[in-house]
Protein backbone atom coordinates (compact mmCIF):
# COMPACT_ATOMS: atom_id res chain seq x y z
CA UNK A 1 0.00 0.00 0.00
CA UNK A 2 1.27 3.47 -0.87
CA UNK A 3 2.19 5.93 1.84
CA UNK A 4 -0.76 8.16 2.79
CA UNK A 5 1.05 11.32 1.67
CA UNK A 6 1.26 9.93 -1.89
CA UNK A 7 -2.46 10.58 -2.24
CA UNK A 8 -2.18 14.16 -1.03
CA UNK A 9 -0.32 15.27 -4.16
CA UNK A 10 -2.17 16.63 -7.17
CA UNK A 11 -2.77 14.10 -9.95
CA UNK A 12 -0.58 16.10 -12.32
CA UNK A 13 2.47 17.83 -11.05
CA UNK A 14 4.22 20.50 -13.10
CA UNK A 15 6.79 19.16 -15.53
CA UNK A 16 10.37 19.70 -14.46
CA UNK A 17 12.28 22.48 -16.18
CA UNK A 18 14.40 21.27 -19.09
CA UNK A 19 17.93 22.46 -19.63
CA UNK A 20 20.07 21.23 -22.50
CA UNK A 21 23.09 22.07 -20.36
CA UNK A 22 22.42 18.98 -18.27
CA UNK A 23 24.36 15.90 -19.48
CA UNK A 24 21.40 13.57 -18.90
CA UNK A 25 19.17 15.84 -20.99
CA UNK A 26 21.69 15.80 -23.82
CA UNK A 27 21.82 12.01 -23.74
CA UNK A 28 18.05 11.81 -23.66
CA UNK A 29 17.77 14.10 -26.68
CA UNK A 30 20.29 11.92 -28.55
CA UNK A 31 18.32 8.77 -27.69
CA UNK A 32 15.05 10.35 -28.82
CA UNK A 33 16.63 11.58 -32.05
CA UNK A 34 18.10 8.14 -32.79
CA UNK A 35 14.71 6.51 -32.20
CA UNK A 36 13.02 9.13 -34.37
CA UNK A 37 15.50 8.50 -37.18
CA UNK A 38 14.96 4.74 -36.98
CA UNK A 39 11.19 5.22 -37.03
CA UNK A 40 11.47 7.47 -40.09
CA UNK A 41 13.43 4.75 -41.90
CA UNK A 42 10.84 2.12 -40.96
CA UNK A 43 8.02 4.42 -42.09
CA UNK A 44 9.73 4.99 -45.46
CA UNK A 45 10.30 1.27 -45.90
CA UNK A 46 6.65 0.57 -45.06
CA UNK A 47 5.63 3.15 -47.64
CA UNK A 48 7.77 1.29 -50.18
CA UNK A 49 6.10 -2.03 -49.30
CA UNK A 50 2.63 -0.49 -49.58
CA UNK A 51 3.41 1.05 -52.96
CA UNK A 52 4.86 -2.21 -54.30
CA UNK A 53 1.88 -4.21 -53.06
CA UNK A 54 -0.47 -1.75 -54.75
CA UNK A 55 1.32 -1.99 -58.09
CA UNK A 56 2.52 -5.61 -58.08
CA UNK A 57 0.28 -7.44 -55.62
CA UNK A 58 3.29 -9.05 -53.93
CA UNK A 59 6.68 -7.96 -52.71
CA UNK A 60 10.09 -9.45 -52.05
CA UNK A 61 13.06 -8.10 -50.15
CA UNK A 62 14.81 -7.62 -53.47
CA UNK A 63 11.86 -5.52 -54.70
CA UNK A 64 12.10 -3.33 -51.62
CA UNK A 65 15.85 -2.87 -51.95
CA UNK A 66 15.58 -2.07 -55.68
CA UNK A 67 12.71 0.42 -55.30
CA UNK A 68 13.45 3.94 -56.45
CA UNK A 69 10.74 6.49 -55.67
CA UNK A 70 9.47 8.72 -58.45
CA UNK A 71 9.41 12.51 -57.99
CA UNK A 72 5.87 12.56 -56.56
CA UNK A 73 6.69 9.84 -54.03
CA UNK A 74 9.92 11.55 -53.10
CA UNK A 75 8.08 14.86 -52.61
CA UNK A 76 5.39 13.19 -50.47
CA UNK A 77 8.06 11.56 -48.32
CA UNK A 78 9.93 14.83 -47.94
CA UNK A 79 6.71 16.56 -46.87
CA UNK A 80 6.03 13.79 -44.32
CA UNK A 81 9.59 14.05 -42.93
CA UNK A 82 9.32 17.82 -42.52
CA UNK A 83 6.02 17.51 -40.64
CA UNK A 84 7.43 14.63 -38.56
CA UNK A 85 10.49 16.64 -37.50
CA UNK A 86 8.26 19.64 -36.70
CA UNK A 87 6.09 17.43 -34.44
CA UNK A 88 9.15 16.04 -32.67
CA UNK A 89 10.61 19.47 -31.95
CA UNK A 90 7.33 21.32 -31.29
CA UNK A 91 7.54 21.19 -27.47
CA UNK A 92 11.22 22.04 -27.42
CA UNK A 93 10.74 24.96 -29.81
CA UNK A 94 7.83 26.23 -27.72
CA UNK A 95 9.99 26.10 -24.60
CA UNK A 96 12.85 27.90 -26.36
CA UNK A 97 10.44 30.56 -27.66
CA UNK A 98 9.04 31.05 -24.14
CA UNK A 99 12.57 31.39 -22.73
CA UNK A 100 13.44 33.94 -25.42
CA UNK A 101 10.26 35.85 -24.66
CA UNK A 102 11.17 35.90 -20.96
CA UNK A 103 14.66 37.16 -21.76
CA UNK A 104 13.18 39.82 -24.04
CA UNK A 105 10.75 40.89 -21.33
CA UNK A 106 13.59 41.17 -18.82
CA UNK A 107 15.72 43.20 -21.26
CA UNK A 108 12.81 45.58 -21.83
CA UNK A 109 12.48 46.26 -18.09
C-alpha atoms as a PDB file:
ATOM      1  CA  UNK A   1       0.000   0.000   0.000  1.00  0.00           C
ATOM      2  CA  UNK A   2       1.267   3.468  -0.869  1.00  0.00           C
ATOM      3  CA  UNK A   3       2.185   5.932   1.842  1.00  0.00           C
ATOM      4  CA  UNK A   4      -0.760   8.161   2.789  1.00  0.00           C
ATOM      5  CA  UNK A   5       1.051  11.318   1.668  1.00  0.00           C
ATOM      6  CA  UNK A   6       1.257   9.931  -1.888  1.00  0.00           C
ATOM      7  CA  UNK A   7      -2.462  10.576  -2.242  1.00  0.00           C
ATOM      8  CA  UNK A   8      -2.185  14.164  -1.031  1.00  0.00           C
ATOM      9  CA  UNK A   9      -0.315  15.271  -4.157  1.00  0.00           C
ATOM     10  CA  UNK A  10      -2.170  16.625  -7.171  1.00  0.00           C
ATOM     11  CA  UNK A  11      -2.773  14.097  -9.948  1.00  0.00           C
ATOM     12  CA  UNK A  12      -0.585  16.096 -12.321  1.00  0.00           C
ATOM     13  CA  UNK A  13       2.468  17.828 -11.046  1.00  0.00           C
ATOM     14  CA  UNK A  14       4.219  20.499 -13.100  1.00  0.00           C
ATOM     15  CA  UNK A  15       6.791  19.159 -15.528  1.00  0.00           C
ATOM     16  CA  UNK A  16      10.373  19.698 -14.460  1.00  0.00           C
ATOM     17  CA  UNK A  17      12.285  22.475 -16.185  1.00  0.00           C
ATOM     18  CA  UNK A  18      14.396  21.269 -19.086  1.00  0.00           C
ATOM     19  CA  UNK A  19      17.927  22.460 -19.627  1.00  0.00           C
ATOM     20  CA  UNK A  20      20.066  21.230 -22.499  1.00  0.00           C
ATOM     21  CA  UNK A  21      23.087  22.070 -20.363  1.00  0.00           C
ATOM     22  CA  UNK A  22      22.425  18.976 -18.270  1.00  0.00           C
ATOM     23  CA  UNK A  23      24.359  15.898 -19.485  1.00  0.00           C
ATOM     24  CA  UNK A  24      21.400  13.567 -18.896  1.00  0.00           C
ATOM     25  CA  UNK A  25      19.173  15.843 -20.986  1.00  0.00           C
ATOM     26  CA  UNK A  26      21.694  15.801 -23.817  1.00  0.00           C
ATOM     27  CA  UNK A  27      21.823  12.012 -23.739  1.00  0.00           C
ATOM     28  CA  UNK A  28      18.048  11.807 -23.660  1.00  0.00           C
ATOM     29  CA  UNK A  29      17.771  14.101 -26.681  1.00  0.00           C
ATOM     30  CA  UNK A  30      20.292  11.921 -28.552  1.00  0.00           C
ATOM     31  CA  UNK A  31      18.315   8.771 -27.691  1.00  0.00           C
ATOM     32  CA  UNK A  32      15.045  10.350 -28.821  1.00  0.00           C
ATOM     33  CA  UNK A  33      16.628  11.581 -32.051  1.00  0.00           C
ATOM     34  CA  UNK A  34      18.098   8.140 -32.794  1.00  0.00           C
ATOM     35  CA  UNK A  35      14.715   6.512 -32.203  1.00  0.00           C
ATOM     36  CA  UNK A  36      13.020   9.127 -34.371  1.00  0.00           C
ATOM     37  CA  UNK A  37      15.504   8.499 -37.182  1.00  0.00           C
ATOM     38  CA  UNK A  38      14.957   4.737 -36.975  1.00  0.00           C
ATOM     39  CA  UNK A  39      11.189   5.221 -37.030  1.00  0.00           C
ATOM     40  CA  UNK A  40      11.468   7.469 -40.090  1.00  0.00           C
ATOM     41  CA  UNK A  41      13.426   4.750 -41.903  1.00  0.00           C
ATOM     42  CA  UNK A  42      10.835   2.122 -40.963  1.00  0.00           C
ATOM     43  CA  UNK A  43       8.018   4.420 -42.094  1.00  0.00           C
ATOM     44  CA  UNK A  44       9.726   4.994 -45.456  1.00  0.00           C
ATOM     45  CA  UNK A  45      10.298   1.269 -45.897  1.00  0.00           C
ATOM     46  CA  UNK A  46       6.648   0.567 -45.065  1.00  0.00           C
ATOM     47  CA  UNK A  47       5.631   3.151 -47.644  1.00  0.00           C
ATOM     48  CA  UNK A  48       7.771   1.288 -50.182  1.00  0.00           C
ATOM     49  CA  UNK A  49       6.103  -2.027 -49.301  1.00  0.00           C
ATOM     50  CA  UNK A  50       2.626  -0.495 -49.582  1.00  0.00           C
ATOM     51  CA  UNK A  51       3.408   1.049 -52.964  1.00  0.00           C
ATOM     52  CA  UNK A  52       4.859  -2.206 -54.302  1.00  0.00           C
ATOM     53  CA  UNK A  53       1.882  -4.206 -53.057  1.00  0.00           C
ATOM     54  CA  UNK A  54      -0.469  -1.745 -54.746  1.00  0.00           C
ATOM     55  CA  UNK A  55       1.317  -1.987 -58.090  1.00  0.00           C
ATOM     56  CA  UNK A  56       2.523  -5.612 -58.079  1.00  0.00           C
ATOM     57  CA  UNK A  57       0.282  -7.439 -55.623  1.00  0.00           C
ATOM     58  CA  UNK A  58       3.286  -9.053 -53.929  1.00  0.00           C
ATOM     59  CA  UNK A  59       6.681  -7.958 -52.711  1.00  0.00           C
ATOM     60  CA  UNK A  60      10.093  -9.450 -52.049  1.00  0.00           C
ATOM     61  CA  UNK A  61      13.055  -8.098 -50.149  1.00  0.00           C
ATOM     62  CA  UNK A  62      14.811  -7.620 -53.474  1.00  0.00           C
ATOM     63  CA  UNK A  63      11.859  -5.520 -54.699  1.00  0.00           C
ATOM     64  CA  UNK A  64      12.095  -3.332 -51.616  1.00  0.00           C
ATOM     65  CA  UNK A  65      15.852  -2.865 -51.950  1.00  0.00           C
ATOM     66  CA  UNK A  66      15.580  -2.069 -55.678  1.00  0.00           C
ATOM     67  CA  UNK A  67      12.706   0.415 -55.298  1.00  0.00           C
ATOM     68  CA  UNK A  68      13.453   3.941 -56.451  1.00  0.00           C
ATOM     69  CA  UNK A  69      10.736   6.486 -55.668  1.00  0.00           C
ATOM     70  CA  UNK A  70       9.473   8.722 -58.445  1.00  0.00           C
ATOM     71  CA  UNK A  71       9.412  12.506 -57.994  1.00  0.00           C
ATOM     72  CA  UNK A  72       5.873  12.560 -56.563  1.00  0.00           C
ATOM     73  CA  UNK A  73       6.689   9.843 -54.032  1.00  0.00           C
ATOM     74  CA  UNK A  74       9.924  11.552 -53.103  1.00  0.00           C
ATOM     75  CA  UNK A  75       8.077  14.858 -52.610  1.00  0.00           C
ATOM     76  CA  UNK A  76       5.390  13.189 -50.466  1.00  0.00           C
ATOM     77  CA  UNK A  77       8.064  11.558 -48.318  1.00  0.00           C
ATOM     78  CA  UNK A  78       9.931  14.833 -47.938  1.00  0.00           C
ATOM     79  CA  UNK A  79       6.706  16.564 -46.868  1.00  0.00           C
ATOM     80  CA  UNK A  80       6.028  13.795 -44.323  1.00  0.00           C
ATOM     81  CA  UNK A  81       9.588  14.050 -42.926  1.00  0.00           C
ATOM     82  CA  UNK A  82       9.319  17.820 -42.521  1.00  0.00           C
ATOM     83  CA  UNK A  83       6.016  17.505 -40.641  1.00  0.00           C
ATOM     84  CA  UNK A  84       7.430  14.630 -38.564  1.00  0.00           C
ATOM     85  CA  UNK A  85      10.485  16.642 -37.495  1.00  0.00           C
ATOM     86  CA  UNK A  86       8.258  19.635 -36.704  1.00  0.00           C
ATOM     87  CA  UNK A  87       6.093  17.435 -34.442  1.00  0.00           C
ATOM     88  CA  UNK A  88       9.154  16.035 -32.670  1.00  0.00           C
ATOM     89  CA  UNK A  89      10.609  19.467 -31.951  1.00  0.00           C
ATOM     90  CA  UNK A  90       7.326  21.316 -31.290  1.00  0.00           C
ATOM     91  CA  UNK A  91       7.543  21.185 -27.472  1.00  0.00           C
ATOM     92  CA  UNK A  92      11.222  22.039 -27.420  1.00  0.00           C
ATOM     93  CA  UNK A  93      10.736  24.958 -29.811  1.00  0.00           C
ATOM     94  CA  UNK A  94       7.825  26.228 -27.719  1.00  0.00           C
ATOM     95  CA  UNK A  95       9.989  26.098 -24.603  1.00  0.00           C
ATOM     96  CA  UNK A  96      12.847  27.899 -26.359  1.00  0.00           C
ATOM     97  CA  UNK A  97      10.437  30.558 -27.658  1.00  0.00           C
ATOM     98  CA  UNK A  98       9.041  31.045 -24.141  1.00  0.00           C
ATOM     99  CA  UNK A  99      12.567  31.391 -22.729  1.00  0.00           C
ATOM    100  CA  UNK A 100      13.440  33.936 -25.420  1.00  0.00           C
ATOM    101  CA  UNK A 101      10.262  35.853 -24.658  1.00  0.00           C
ATOM    102  CA  UNK A 102      11.172  35.903 -20.956  1.00  0.00           C
ATOM    103  CA  UNK A 103      14.657  37.159 -21.763  1.00  0.00           C
ATOM    104  CA  UNK A 104      13.178  39.818 -24.037  1.00  0.00           C
ATOM    105  CA  UNK A 105      10.747  40.887 -21.333  1.00  0.00           C
ATOM    106  CA  UNK A 106      13.593  41.168 -18.821  1.00  0.00           C
ATOM    107  CA  UNK A 107      15.717  43.204 -21.258  1.00  0.00           C
ATOM    108  CA  UNK A 108      12.812  45.585 -21.832  1.00  0.00           C
ATOM    109  CA  UNK A 109      12.484  46.259 -18.087  1.00  0.00           C
END
